[in-house]
PDB file of all heavy atoms in Angstrom:
ATOM      1  N   LEU A   1      -5.797  -6.766  -8.068  1.00  0.00           N
ATOM      2  CA  LEU A   1      -6.278  -8.034  -7.523  1.00  0.00           C
ATOM      3  C   LEU A   1      -5.613  -8.268  -6.161  1.00  0.00           C
ATOM      4  O   LEU A   1      -4.403  -8.100  -6.033  1.00  0.00           O
ATOM      5  CB  LEU A   1      -5.932  -9.210  -8.456  1.00  0.00           C
ATOM      6  CG  LEU A   1      -6.382  -9.084  -9.918  1.00  0.00           C
ATOM      7  CD1 LEU A   1      -5.961 -10.335 -10.686  1.00  0.00           C
ATOM      8  CD2 LEU A   1      -7.882  -8.896 -10.019  1.00  0.00           C
ATOM      9  N   ALA A   2      -6.424  -8.622  -5.180  1.00  0.00           N
ATOM     10  CA  ALA A   2      -5.849  -8.820  -3.841  1.00  0.00           C
ATOM     11  C   ALA A   2      -6.785  -9.734  -3.036  1.00  0.00           C
ATOM     12  O   ALA A   2      -7.989  -9.801  -3.290  1.00  0.00           O
ATOM     13  CB  ALA A   2      -5.671  -7.490  -3.123  1.00  0.00           C
ATOM     14  N   ASN A   3      -6.182 -10.432  -2.057  1.00  0.00           N
ATOM     15  CA  ASN A   3      -7.030 -11.146  -1.119  1.00  0.00           C
ATOM     16  C   ASN A   3      -7.482 -10.163  -0.036  1.00  0.00           C
ATOM     17  O   ASN A   3      -7.109  -8.975  -0.034  1.00  0.00           O
ATOM     18  CB  ASN A   3      -6.297 -12.352  -0.506  1.00  0.00           C
ATOM     19  CG  ASN A   3      -5.047 -11.971   0.275  1.00  0.00           C
ATOM     20  OD1 ASN A   3      -4.680 -10.806   0.356  1.00  0.00           O
ATOM     21  ND2 ASN A   3      -4.403 -12.953   0.865  1.00  0.00           N
ATOM     22  N   ARG A   4      -8.303 -10.648   0.888  1.00  0.00           N
ATOM     23  CA  ARG A   4      -8.884  -9.750   1.907  1.00  0.00           C
ATOM     24  C   ARG A   4      -7.779  -9.083   2.732  1.00  0.00           C
ATOM     25  O   ARG A   4      -7.810  -7.876   2.973  1.00  0.00           O
ATOM     26  CB  ARG A   4      -9.833 -10.527   2.815  1.00  0.00           C
ATOM     27  CG  ARG A   4     -10.420  -9.682   3.934  1.00  0.00           C
ATOM     28  CD  ARG A   4     -11.416 -10.469   4.787  1.00  0.00           C
ATOM     29  NE  ARG A   4     -11.868  -9.678   5.917  1.00  0.00           N
ATOM     30  CZ  ARG A   4     -12.814  -8.744   5.875  1.00  0.00           C
ATOM     31  NH1 ARG A   4     -13.398  -8.479   4.722  1.00  0.00           N
ATOM     32  NH2 ARG A   4     -13.177  -8.076   6.957  1.00  0.00           N
ATOM     33  N   GLU A   5      -6.773  -9.865   3.156  1.00  0.00           N
ATOM     34  CA  GLU A   5      -5.696  -9.314   3.962  1.00  0.00           C
ATOM     35  C   GLU A   5      -4.925  -8.253   3.169  1.00  0.00           C
ATOM     36  O   GLU A   5      -4.521  -7.211   3.727  1.00  0.00           O
ATOM     37  CB  GLU A   5      -4.756 -10.413   4.417  1.00  0.00           C
ATOM     38  CG  GLU A   5      -3.696  -9.972   5.417  1.00  0.00           C
ATOM     39  CD  GLU A   5      -4.260  -9.478   6.743  1.00  0.00           C
ATOM     40  OE1 GLU A   5      -5.426  -9.862   7.075  1.00  0.00           O
ATOM     41  OE2 GLU A   5      -3.552  -8.727   7.424  1.00  0.00           O
ATOM     42  N   GLY A   6      -4.722  -8.499   1.880  1.00  0.00           N
ATOM     43  CA  GLY A   6      -4.011  -7.535   1.054  1.00  0.00           C
ATOM     44  C   GLY A   6      -4.752  -6.216   0.947  1.00  0.00           C
ATOM     45  O   GLY A   6      -4.166  -5.134   1.015  1.00  0.00           O
ATOM     46  N   LEU A   7      -6.095  -6.286   0.808  1.00  0.00           N
ATOM     47  CA  LEU A   7      -6.889  -5.069   0.714  1.00  0.00           C
ATOM     48  C   LEU A   7      -6.942  -4.312   2.030  1.00  0.00           C
ATOM     49  O   LEU A   7      -6.880  -3.081   2.067  1.00  0.00           O
ATOM     50  CB  LEU A   7      -8.313  -5.415   0.262  1.00  0.00           C
ATOM     51  CG  LEU A   7      -8.474  -5.838  -1.195  1.00  0.00           C
ATOM     52  CD1 LEU A   7      -9.905  -6.272  -1.476  1.00  0.00           C
ATOM     53  CD2 LEU A   7      -8.059  -4.731  -2.144  1.00  0.00           C
ATOM     54  N   LEU A   8      -7.053  -5.057   3.142  1.00  0.00           N
ATOM     55  CA  LEU A   8      -7.081  -4.417   4.443  1.00  0.00           C
ATOM     56  C   LEU A   8      -5.777  -3.659   4.718  1.00  0.00           C
ATOM     57  O   LEU A   8      -5.779  -2.542   5.232  1.00  0.00           O
ATOM     58  CB  LEU A   8      -7.352  -5.443   5.545  1.00  0.00           C
ATOM     59  CG  LEU A   8      -8.762  -6.043   5.582  1.00  0.00           C
ATOM     60  CD1 LEU A   8      -8.835  -7.180   6.595  1.00  0.00           C
ATOM     61  CD2 LEU A   8      -9.793  -4.957   5.941  1.00  0.00           C
ATOM     62  N   GLN A   9      -4.649  -4.292   4.381  1.00  0.00           N
ATOM     63  CA  GLN A   9      -3.368  -3.642   4.599  1.00  0.00           C
ATOM     64  C   GLN A   9      -3.182  -2.466   3.655  1.00  0.00           C
ATOM     65  O   GLN A   9      -2.565  -1.452   4.040  1.00  0.00           O
ATOM     66  CB  GLN A   9      -2.233  -4.671   4.454  1.00  0.00           C
ATOM     67  CG  GLN A   9      -2.196  -5.717   5.547  1.00  0.00           C
ATOM     68  CD  GLN A   9      -0.962  -6.577   5.506  1.00  0.00           C
ATOM     69  OE1 GLN A   9       0.033  -6.214   4.926  1.00  0.00           O
ATOM     70  NE2 GLN A   9      -1.023  -7.734   6.160  1.00  0.00           N
ATOM     71  N   LEU A  10      -3.695  -2.568   2.446  1.00  0.00           N
ATOM     72  CA  LEU A  10      -3.623  -1.448   1.503  1.00  0.00           C
ATOM     73  C   LEU A  10      -4.425  -0.278   2.035  1.00  0.00           C
ATOM     74  O   LEU A  10      -3.986   0.877   1.949  1.00  0.00           O
ATOM     75  CB  LEU A  10      -4.133  -1.877   0.130  1.00  0.00           C
ATOM     76  CG  LEU A  10      -4.213  -0.775  -0.920  1.00  0.00           C
ATOM     77  CD1 LEU A  10      -2.836  -0.176  -1.178  1.00  0.00           C
ATOM     78  CD2 LEU A  10      -4.829  -1.305  -2.223  1.00  0.00           C
ATOM     79  N   ARG A  11      -5.617  -0.555   2.588  1.00  0.00           N
ATOM     80  CA  ARG A  11      -6.427   0.525   3.156  1.00  0.00           C
ATOM     81  C   ARG A  11      -5.688   1.239   4.278  1.00  0.00           C
ATOM     82  O   ARG A  11      -5.706   2.482   4.380  1.00  0.00           O
ATOM     83  CB  ARG A  11      -7.763  -0.037   3.666  1.00  0.00           C
ATOM     84  CG  ARG A  11      -8.704   1.020   4.243  1.00  0.00           C
ATOM     85  CD  ARG A  11     -10.060   0.431   4.574  1.00  0.00           C
ATOM     86  NE  ARG A  11      -9.987  -0.549   5.650  1.00  0.00           N
ATOM     87  CZ  ARG A  11     -11.049  -1.197   6.121  1.00  0.00           C
ATOM     88  NH1 ARG A  11     -12.239  -0.992   5.583  1.00  0.00           N
ATOM     89  NH2 ARG A  11     -10.918  -2.055   7.100  1.00  0.00           N
ATOM     90  N   GLU A  12      -5.033   0.465   5.122  1.00  0.00           N
ATOM     91  CA  GLU A  12      -4.241   1.062   6.214  1.00  0.00           C
ATOM     92  C   GLU A  12      -3.109   1.919   5.663  1.00  0.00           C
ATOM     93  O   GLU A  12      -2.828   3.004   6.168  1.00  0.00           O
ATOM     94  CB  GLU A  12      -3.694  -0.064   7.100  1.00  0.00           C
ATOM     95  CG  GLU A  12      -2.825   0.427   8.253  1.00  0.00           C
ATOM     96  CD  GLU A  12      -2.230  -0.704   9.045  1.00  0.00           C
ATOM     97  OE1 GLU A  12      -2.633  -1.859   8.846  1.00  0.00           O
ATOM     98  OE2 GLU A  12      -1.330  -0.431   9.891  1.00  0.00           O
ATOM     99  N   ALA A  13      -2.436   1.411   4.617  1.00  0.00           N
ATOM    100  CA  ALA A  13      -1.334   2.153   3.988  1.00  0.00           C
ATOM    101  C   ALA A  13      -1.811   3.464   3.388  1.00  0.00           C
ATOM    102  O   ALA A  13      -1.152   4.487   3.474  1.00  0.00           O
ATOM    103  CB  ALA A  13      -0.645   1.276   2.951  1.00  0.00           C
ATOM    104  N   ILE A  14      -2.988   3.438   2.743  1.00  0.00           N
ATOM    105  CA  ILE A  14      -3.530   4.659   2.142  1.00  0.00           C
ATOM    106  C   ILE A  14      -3.878   5.676   3.224  1.00  0.00           C
ATOM    107  O   ILE A  14      -3.631   6.878   3.061  1.00  0.00           O
ATOM    108  CB  ILE A  14      -4.768   4.322   1.289  1.00  0.00           C
ATOM    109  CG1 ILE A  14      -4.346   3.529   0.050  1.00  0.00           C
ATOM    110  CG2 ILE A  14      -5.516   5.595   0.889  1.00  0.00           C
ATOM    111  CD1 ILE A  14      -5.506   3.015  -0.788  1.00  0.00           C
ATOM    112  N   ASP A  15      -4.422   5.223   4.325  1.00  0.00           N
ATOM    113  CA  ASP A  15      -4.727   6.128   5.455  1.00  0.00           C
ATOM    114  C   ASP A  15      -3.459   6.809   5.962  1.00  0.00           C
ATOM    115  O   ASP A  15      -3.465   8.004   6.271  1.00  0.00           O
ATOM    116  CB  ASP A  15      -5.399   5.358   6.596  1.00  0.00           C
ATOM    117  CG  ASP A  15      -6.843   5.002   6.273  1.00  0.00           C
ATOM    118  OD1 ASP A  15      -7.433   5.644   5.381  1.00  0.00           O
ATOM    119  OD2 ASP A  15      -7.391   4.078   6.906  1.00  0.00           O
ATOM    120  N   ILE A  16      -2.363   6.037   6.057  1.00  0.00           N
ATOM    121  CA  ILE A  16      -1.107   6.615   6.520  1.00  0.00           C
ATOM    122  C   ILE A  16      -0.586   7.641   5.519  1.00  0.00           C
ATOM    123  O   ILE A  16      -0.094   8.704   5.902  1.00  0.00           O
ATOM    124  CB  ILE A  16      -0.051   5.492   6.757  1.00  0.00           C
ATOM    125  CG1 ILE A  16      -0.512   4.571   7.885  1.00  0.00           C
ATOM    126  CG2 ILE A  16       1.302   6.104   7.105  1.00  0.00           C
ATOM    127  CD1 ILE A  16       0.369   3.364   8.098  1.00  0.00           C
ATOM    128  N   ALA A  17      -0.692   7.321   4.223  1.00  0.00           N
ATOM    129  CA  ALA A  17      -0.238   8.240   3.187  1.00  0.00           C
ATOM    130  C   ALA A  17      -1.082   9.529   3.181  1.00  0.00           C
ATOM    131  O   ALA A  17      -0.563  10.621   2.985  1.00  0.00           O
ATOM    132  CB  ALA A  17      -0.301   7.559   1.821  1.00  0.00           C
ATOM    133  N   LEU A  18      -2.377   9.378   3.405  1.00  0.00           N
ATOM    134  CA  LEU A  18      -3.255  10.543   3.483  1.00  0.00           C
ATOM    135  C   LEU A  18      -2.847  11.468   4.618  1.00  0.00           C
ATOM    136  O   LEU A  18      -2.873  12.707   4.499  1.00  0.00           O
ATOM    137  CB  LEU A  18      -4.713  10.120   3.639  1.00  0.00           C
ATOM    138  CG  LEU A  18      -5.425   9.635   2.388  1.00  0.00           C
ATOM    139  CD1 LEU A  18      -6.770   9.010   2.740  1.00  0.00           C
ATOM    140  CD2 LEU A  18      -5.614  10.764   1.386  1.00  0.00           C
ATOM    141  N   GLN A  19      -2.484  10.885   5.739  1.00  0.00           N
ATOM    142  CA  GLN A  19      -2.125  11.659   6.923  1.00  0.00           C
ATOM    143  C   GLN A  19      -0.724  12.257   6.839  1.00  0.00           C
ATOM    144  O   GLN A  19      -0.511  13.389   7.279  1.00  0.00           O
ATOM    145  CB  GLN A  19      -2.223  10.768   8.156  1.00  0.00           C
ATOM    146  CG  GLN A  19      -1.938  11.510   9.475  1.00  0.00           C
ATOM    147  CD  GLN A  19      -2.088  10.620  10.677  1.00  0.00           C
ATOM    148  OE1 GLN A  19      -2.279   9.418  10.569  1.00  0.00           O
ATOM    149  NE2 GLN A  19      -1.998  11.200  11.872  1.00  0.00           N
ATOM    150  N   ASN A  20       0.213  11.517   6.245  1.00  0.00           N
ATOM    151  CA  ASN A  20       1.626  11.935   6.281  1.00  0.00           C
ATOM    152  C   ASN A  20       2.208  12.334   4.944  1.00  0.00           C
ATOM    153  O   ASN A  20       3.328  12.798   4.871  1.00  0.00           O
ATOM    154  CB  ASN A  20       2.477  10.800   6.856  1.00  0.00           C
ATOM    155  CG  ASN A  20       2.077  10.450   8.289  1.00  0.00           C
ATOM    156  OD1 ASN A  20       2.367  11.185   9.214  1.00  0.00           O
ATOM    157  ND2 ASN A  20       1.385   9.318   8.454  1.00  0.00           N
ATOM    158  N   GLY A  21       1.451  12.138   3.854  1.00  0.00           N
ATOM    159  CA  GLY A  21       1.940  12.553   2.557  1.00  0.00           C
ATOM    160  C   GLY A  21       2.447  11.447   1.691  1.00  0.00           C
ATOM    161  O   GLY A  21       2.262  11.449   0.482  1.00  0.00           O
ATOM    162  N   GLU A  22       3.098  10.432   2.289  1.00  0.00           N
ATOM    163  CA  GLU A  22       3.611   9.310   1.504  1.00  0.00           C
ATOM    164  C   GLU A  22       3.887   8.111   2.405  1.00  0.00           C
ATOM    165  O   GLU A  22       4.040   8.257   3.608  1.00  0.00           O
ATOM    166  CB  GLU A  22       4.894   9.697   0.750  1.00  0.00           C
ATOM    167  CG  GLU A  22       5.993  10.256   1.626  1.00  0.00           C
ATOM    168  CD  GLU A  22       7.096  10.936   0.817  1.00  0.00           C
ATOM    169  OE1 GLU A  22       6.812  11.903   0.095  1.00  0.00           O
ATOM    170  OE2 GLU A  22       8.253  10.473   0.904  1.00  0.00           O
ATOM    171  N   TYR A  23       3.907   6.931   1.776  1.00  0.00           N
ATOM    172  CA  TYR A  23       4.116   5.726   2.545  1.00  0.00           C
ATOM    173  C   TYR A  23       4.538   4.591   1.627  1.00  0.00           C
ATOM    174  O   TYR A  23       4.160   4.553   0.448  1.00  0.00           O
ATOM    175  CB  TYR A  23       2.859   5.324   3.315  1.00  0.00           C
ATOM    176  CG  TYR A  23       3.078   4.225   4.335  1.00  0.00           C
ATOM    177  CD1 TYR A  23       3.900   4.446   5.442  1.00  0.00           C
ATOM    178  CD2 TYR A  23       2.457   2.977   4.205  1.00  0.00           C
ATOM    179  CE1 TYR A  23       4.089   3.440   6.373  1.00  0.00           C
ATOM    180  CE2 TYR A  23       2.667   1.987   5.137  1.00  0.00           C
ATOM    181  CZ  TYR A  23       3.457   2.208   6.225  1.00  0.00           C
ATOM    182  OH  TYR A  23       3.683   1.213   7.160  1.00  0.00           O
ATOM    183  N   ARG A  24       5.339   3.669   2.154  1.00  0.00           N
ATOM    184  CA  ARG A  24       5.754   2.476   1.396  1.00  0.00           C
ATOM    185  C   ARG A  24       5.034   1.260   1.964  1.00  0.00           C
ATOM    186  O   ARG A  24       5.192   0.922   3.126  1.00  0.00           O
ATOM    187  CB  ARG A  24       7.261   2.278   1.457  1.00  0.00           C
ATOM    188  CG  ARG A  24       7.703   0.982   0.788  1.00  0.00           C
ATOM    189  CD  ARG A  24       9.178   0.899   0.555  1.00  0.00           C
ATOM    190  NE  ARG A  24       9.974   0.939   1.758  1.00  0.00           N
ATOM    191  CZ  ARG A  24      11.284   0.749   1.803  1.00  0.00           C
ATOM    192  NH1 ARG A  24      11.966   0.545   0.687  1.00  0.00           N
ATOM    193  NH2 ARG A  24      11.933   0.807   2.951  1.00  0.00           N
ATOM    194  N   HIS A  25       4.261   0.593   1.136  1.00  0.00           N
ATOM    195  CA  HIS A  25       3.497  -0.591   1.546  1.00  0.00           C
ATOM    196  C   HIS A  25       4.188  -1.836   0.979  1.00  0.00           C
ATOM    197  O   HIS A  25       4.463  -1.929  -0.215  1.00  0.00           O
ATOM    198  CB  HIS A  25       2.070  -0.480   1.035  1.00  0.00           C
ATOM    199  CG  HIS A  25       1.233  -1.691   1.290  1.00  0.00           C
ATOM    200  ND1 HIS A  25       1.093  -2.252   2.535  1.00  0.00           N
ATOM    201  CD2 HIS A  25       0.485  -2.463   0.442  1.00  0.00           C
ATOM    202  CE1 HIS A  25       0.311  -3.311   2.465  1.00  0.00           C
ATOM    203  NE2 HIS A  25      -0.075  -3.454   1.210  1.00  0.00           N
ATOM    204  N   VAL A  26       4.460  -2.805   1.842  1.00  0.00           N
ATOM    205  CA  VAL A  26       5.116  -4.053   1.421  1.00  0.00           C
ATOM    206  C   VAL A  26       4.050  -5.126   1.285  1.00  0.00           C
ATOM    207  O   VAL A  26       3.290  -5.401   2.212  1.00  0.00           O
ATOM    208  CB  VAL A  26       6.175  -4.482   2.444  1.00  0.00           C
ATOM    209  CG1 VAL A  26       6.848  -5.783   1.986  1.00  0.00           C
ATOM    210  CG2 VAL A  26       7.217  -3.394   2.633  1.00  0.00           C
ATOM    211  N   THR A  27       3.994  -5.762   0.117  1.00  0.00           N
ATOM    212  CA  THR A  27       3.007  -6.819  -0.120  1.00  0.00           C
ATOM    213  C   THR A  27       3.648  -7.886  -0.982  1.00  0.00           C
ATOM    214  O   THR A  27       4.863  -7.925  -1.122  1.00  0.00           O
ATOM    215  CB  THR A  27       1.736  -6.239  -0.776  1.00  0.00           C
ATOM    216  OG1 THR A  27       0.746  -7.267  -0.849  1.00  0.00           O
ATOM    217  CG2 THR A  27       2.016  -5.680  -2.149  1.00  0.00           C
ATOM    218  N   SER A  28       2.852  -8.791  -1.561  1.00  0.00           N
ATOM    219  CA  SER A  28       3.394  -9.910  -2.326  1.00  0.00           C
ATOM    220  C   SER A  28       2.528 -10.243  -3.508  1.00  0.00           C
ATOM    221  O   SER A  28       1.298 -10.110  -3.474  1.00  0.00           O
ATOM    222  CB  SER A  28       3.543 -11.147  -1.414  1.00  0.00           C
ATOM    223  OG  SER A  28       4.018 -12.258  -2.152  1.00  0.00           O
ATOM    224  N   SER A  29       3.158 -10.673  -4.609  1.00  0.00           N
ATOM    225  CA  SER A  29       2.424 -11.143  -5.773  1.00  0.00           C
ATOM    226  C   SER A  29       2.106 -12.624  -5.617  1.00  0.00           C
ATOM    227  O   SER A  29       2.507 -13.246  -4.632  1.00  0.00           O
ATOM    228  CB  SER A  29       3.251 -10.910  -7.038  1.00  0.00           C
ATOM    229  OG  SER A  29       4.521 -11.516  -6.910  1.00  0.00           O
ATOM    230  N   SER A  30       1.379 -13.198  -6.575  1.00  0.00           N
ATOM    231  CA  SER A  30       0.899 -14.579  -6.429  1.00  0.00           C
ATOM    232  C   SER A  30       1.991 -15.617  -6.397  1.00  0.00           C
ATOM    233  O   SER A  30       1.764 -16.731  -5.939  1.00  0.00           O
ATOM    234  CB  SER A  30      -0.081 -14.893  -7.566  1.00  0.00           C
ATOM    235  OG  SER A  30       0.546 -14.729  -8.830  1.00  0.00           O
ATOM    236  N   ASP A  31       3.184 -15.273  -6.894  1.00  0.00           N
ATOM    237  CA  ASP A  31       4.290 -16.248  -6.857  1.00  0.00           C
ATOM    238  C   ASP A  31       5.059 -16.184  -5.546  1.00  0.00           C
ATOM    239  O   ASP A  31       6.068 -16.875  -5.383  1.00  0.00           O
ATOM    240  CB  ASP A  31       5.235 -16.032  -8.030  1.00  0.00           C
ATOM    241  CG  ASP A  31       5.826 -14.617  -8.059  1.00  0.00           C
ATOM    242  OD1 ASP A  31       5.528 -13.832  -7.136  1.00  0.00           O
ATOM    243  OD2 ASP A  31       6.549 -14.296  -9.019  1.00  0.00           O
ATOM    244  N   GLY A  32       4.602 -15.352  -4.617  1.00  0.00           N
ATOM    245  CA  GLY A  32       5.233 -15.267  -3.313  1.00  0.00           C
ATOM    246  C   GLY A  32       6.364 -14.257  -3.214  1.00  0.00           C
ATOM    247  O   GLY A  32       6.960 -14.098  -2.136  1.00  0.00           O
ATOM    248  N   ASP A  33       6.680 -13.575  -4.310  1.00  0.00           N
ATOM    249  CA  ASP A  33       7.753 -12.593  -4.288  1.00  0.00           C
ATOM    250  C   ASP A  33       7.234 -11.265  -3.735  1.00  0.00           C
ATOM    251  O   ASP A  33       6.222 -10.723  -4.234  1.00  0.00           O
ATOM    252  CB  ASP A  33       8.311 -12.363  -5.699  1.00  0.00           C
ATOM    253  CG  ASP A  33       9.193 -13.507  -6.144  1.00  0.00           C
ATOM    254  OD1 ASP A  33       9.709 -14.228  -5.248  1.00  0.00           O
ATOM    255  OD2 ASP A  33       9.364 -13.706  -7.364  1.00  0.00           O
ATOM    256  N   GLY A  34       7.897 -10.727  -2.727  1.00  0.00           N
ATOM    257  CA  GLY A  34       7.481  -9.482  -2.139  1.00  0.00           C
ATOM    258  C   GLY A  34       7.937  -8.299  -2.956  1.00  0.00           C
ATOM    259  O   GLY A  34       8.912  -8.364  -3.714  1.00  0.00           O
ATOM    260  N   TYR A  35       7.214  -7.187  -2.842  1.00  0.00           N
ATOM    261  CA  TYR A  35       7.596  -5.949  -3.530  1.00  0.00           C
ATOM    262  C   TYR A  35       7.028  -4.772  -2.769  1.00  0.00           C
ATOM    263  O   TYR A  35       6.169  -4.919  -1.898  1.00  0.00           O
ATOM    264  CB  TYR A  35       7.082  -5.942  -4.978  1.00  0.00           C
ATOM    265  CG  TYR A  35       5.596  -5.869  -5.120  1.00  0.00           C
ATOM    266  CD1 TYR A  35       4.925  -4.665  -5.291  1.00  0.00           C
ATOM    267  CD2 TYR A  35       4.817  -7.032  -5.100  1.00  0.00           C
ATOM    268  CE1 TYR A  35       3.562  -4.575  -5.417  1.00  0.00           C
ATOM    269  CE2 TYR A  35       3.425  -6.968  -5.241  1.00  0.00           C
ATOM    270  CZ  TYR A  35       2.810  -5.742  -5.391  1.00  0.00           C
ATOM    271  OH  TYR A  35       1.448  -5.675  -5.516  1.00  0.00           O
ATOM    272  N   ASP A  36       7.545  -3.582  -3.093  1.00  0.00           N
ATOM    273  CA  ASP A  36       7.130  -2.344  -2.426  1.00  0.00           C
ATOM    274  C   ASP A  36       6.161  -1.577  -3.310  1.00  0.00           C
ATOM    275  O   ASP A  36       6.359  -1.450  -4.522  1.00  0.00           O
ATOM    276  CB  ASP A  36       8.330  -1.457  -2.133  1.00  0.00           C
ATOM    277  CG  ASP A  36       9.287  -2.079  -1.168  1.00  0.00           C
ATOM    278  OD1 ASP A  36       8.875  -2.968  -0.396  1.00  0.00           O
ATOM    279  OD2 ASP A  36      10.480  -1.692  -1.181  1.00  0.00           O
ATOM    280  N   LEU A  37       5.110  -1.070  -2.698  1.00  0.00           N
ATOM    281  CA  LEU A  37       4.181  -0.173  -3.362  1.00  0.00           C
ATOM    282  C   LEU A  37       4.317   1.178  -2.701  1.00  0.00           C
ATOM    283  O   LEU A  37       3.974   1.355  -1.541  1.00  0.00           O
ATOM    284  CB  LEU A  37       2.739  -0.666  -3.252  1.00  0.00           C
ATOM    285  CG  LEU A  37       1.648   0.277  -3.771  1.00  0.00           C
ATOM    286  CD1 LEU A  37       1.809   0.505  -5.261  1.00  0.00           C
ATOM    287  CD2 LEU A  37       0.256  -0.259  -3.448  1.00  0.00           C
ATOM    288  N   LEU A  38       4.868   2.150  -3.423  1.00  0.00           N
ATOM    289  CA  LEU A  38       5.079   3.494  -2.901  1.00  0.00           C
ATOM    290  C   LEU A  38       3.832   4.346  -3.193  1.00  0.00           C
ATOM    291  O   LEU A  38       3.404   4.461  -4.346  1.00  0.00           O
ATOM    292  CB  LEU A  38       6.298   4.158  -3.532  1.00  0.00           C
ATOM    293  CG  LEU A  38       7.696   3.817  -2.956  1.00  0.00           C
ATOM    294  CD1 LEU A  38       7.860   4.336  -1.552  1.00  0.00           C
ATOM    295  CD2 LEU A  38       7.997   2.346  -3.028  1.00  0.00           C
ATOM    296  N   ILE A  39       3.248   4.920  -2.144  1.00  0.00           N
ATOM    297  CA  ILE A  39       2.025   5.689  -2.264  1.00  0.00           C
ATOM    298  C   ILE A  39       2.333   7.162  -1.951  1.00  0.00           C
ATOM    299  O   ILE A  39       2.931   7.449  -0.923  1.00  0.00           O
ATOM    300  CB  ILE A  39       0.948   5.169  -1.314  1.00  0.00           C
ATOM    301  CG1 ILE A  39       0.706   3.668  -1.541  1.00  0.00           C
ATOM    302  CG2 ILE A  39      -0.365   5.943  -1.486  1.00  0.00           C
ATOM    303  CD1 ILE A  39      -0.166   3.017  -0.487  1.00  0.00           C
ATOM    304  N   LYS A  40       1.911   8.051  -2.822  1.00  0.00           N
ATOM    305  CA  LYS A  40       2.210   9.467  -2.644  1.00  0.00           C
ATOM    306  C   LYS A  40       0.905  10.285  -2.760  1.00  0.00           C
ATOM    307  O   LYS A  40       0.135  10.120  -3.711  1.00  0.00           O
ATOM    308  CB  LYS A  40       3.195   9.951  -3.711  1.00  0.00           C
ATOM    309  CG  LYS A  40       3.438  11.457  -3.718  1.00  0.00           C
ATOM    310  CD  LYS A  40       4.215  11.905  -2.497  1.00  0.00           C
ATOM    311  CE  LYS A  40       4.527  13.410  -2.559  1.00  0.00           C
ATOM    312  NZ  LYS A  40       5.315  13.865  -1.393  1.00  0.00           N
ATOM    313  N   ARG A  41       0.670  11.165  -1.783  1.00  0.00           N
ATOM    314  CA  ARG A  41      -0.415  12.117  -1.857  1.00  0.00           C
ATOM    315  C   ARG A  41       0.098  13.345  -2.616  1.00  0.00           C
ATOM    316  O   ARG A  41       0.951  14.071  -2.115  1.00  0.00           O
ATOM    317  CB  ARG A  41      -0.872  12.517  -0.460  1.00  0.00           C
ATOM    318  CG  ARG A  41      -2.112  13.424  -0.436  1.00  0.00           C
ATOM    319  CD  ARG A  41      -2.336  13.966   0.992  1.00  0.00           C
ATOM    320  NE  ARG A  41      -1.312  14.937   1.343  1.00  0.00           N
ATOM    321  CZ  ARG A  41      -0.875  15.178   2.589  1.00  0.00           C
ATOM    322  NH1 ARG A  41      -1.373  14.469   3.595  1.00  0.00           N
ATOM    323  NH2 ARG A  41       0.044  16.085   2.833  1.00  0.00           N
ATOM    324  N   ILE A  42      -0.424  13.572  -3.821  1.00  0.00           N
ATOM    325  CA  ILE A  42       0.060  14.662  -4.651  1.00  0.00           C
ATOM    326  C   ILE A  42      -0.615  15.966  -4.215  1.00  0.00           C
ATOM    327  O   ILE A  42      -1.843  16.043  -4.098  1.00  0.00           O
ATOM    328  CB  ILE A  42      -0.246  14.398  -6.139  1.00  0.00           C
ATOM    329  CG1 ILE A  42       0.426  13.085  -6.600  1.00  0.00           C
ATOM    330  CG2 ILE A  42       0.238  15.560  -6.997  1.00  0.00           C
ATOM    331  CD1 ILE A  42       1.925  13.092  -6.458  1.00  0.00           C
ATOM    332  N   GLU A  43       0.205  16.997  -4.006  1.00  0.00           N
ATOM    333  CA  GLU A  43      -0.325  18.283  -3.572  1.00  0.00           C
ATOM    334  C   GLU A  43      -0.728  19.114  -4.786  1.00  0.00           C
ATOM    335  O   GLU A  43      -0.412  18.808  -5.925  1.00  0.00           O
ATOM    336  CB  GLU A  43       0.733  19.012  -2.753  1.00  0.00           C
ATOM    337  CG  GLU A  43       1.304  18.215  -1.587  1.00  0.00           C
ATOM    338  CD  GLU A  43       0.250  17.820  -0.563  1.00  0.00           C
ATOM    339  OE1 GLU A  43      -0.850  18.447  -0.554  1.00  0.00           O
ATOM    340  OE2 GLU A  43       0.483  16.874   0.194  1.00  0.00           O
ATOM    341  N   GLU A  44      -1.448  20.200  -4.521  1.00  0.00           N
ATOM    342  CA  GLU A  44      -1.991  21.030  -5.566  1.00  0.00           C
ATOM    343  C   GLU A  44      -0.940  21.729  -6.403  1.00  0.00           C
ATOM    344  O   GLU A  44      -1.202  22.164  -7.536  1.00  0.00           O
ATOM    345  CB  GLU A  44      -2.973  22.054  -4.983  1.00  0.00           C
ATOM    346  CG  GLU A  44      -4.221  21.424  -4.346  1.00  0.00           C
ATOM    347  CD  GLU A  44      -5.160  22.467  -3.787  1.00  0.00           C
ATOM    348  OE1 GLU A  44      -4.824  23.667  -3.889  1.00  0.00           O
ATOM    349  OE2 GLU A  44      -6.222  22.090  -3.253  1.00  0.00           O
TER     350      GLU A  44
END
């Protein structure tokens, strides 16, 4: 679940992970607490 800004930033983070292998995306839950989403492109 995400608002529009959250989805747009996630898309950008996925693009960076696709290009570089991994990336840490910082976002927030509904209570306002921030957290890290670590994205990894798994190799064969």
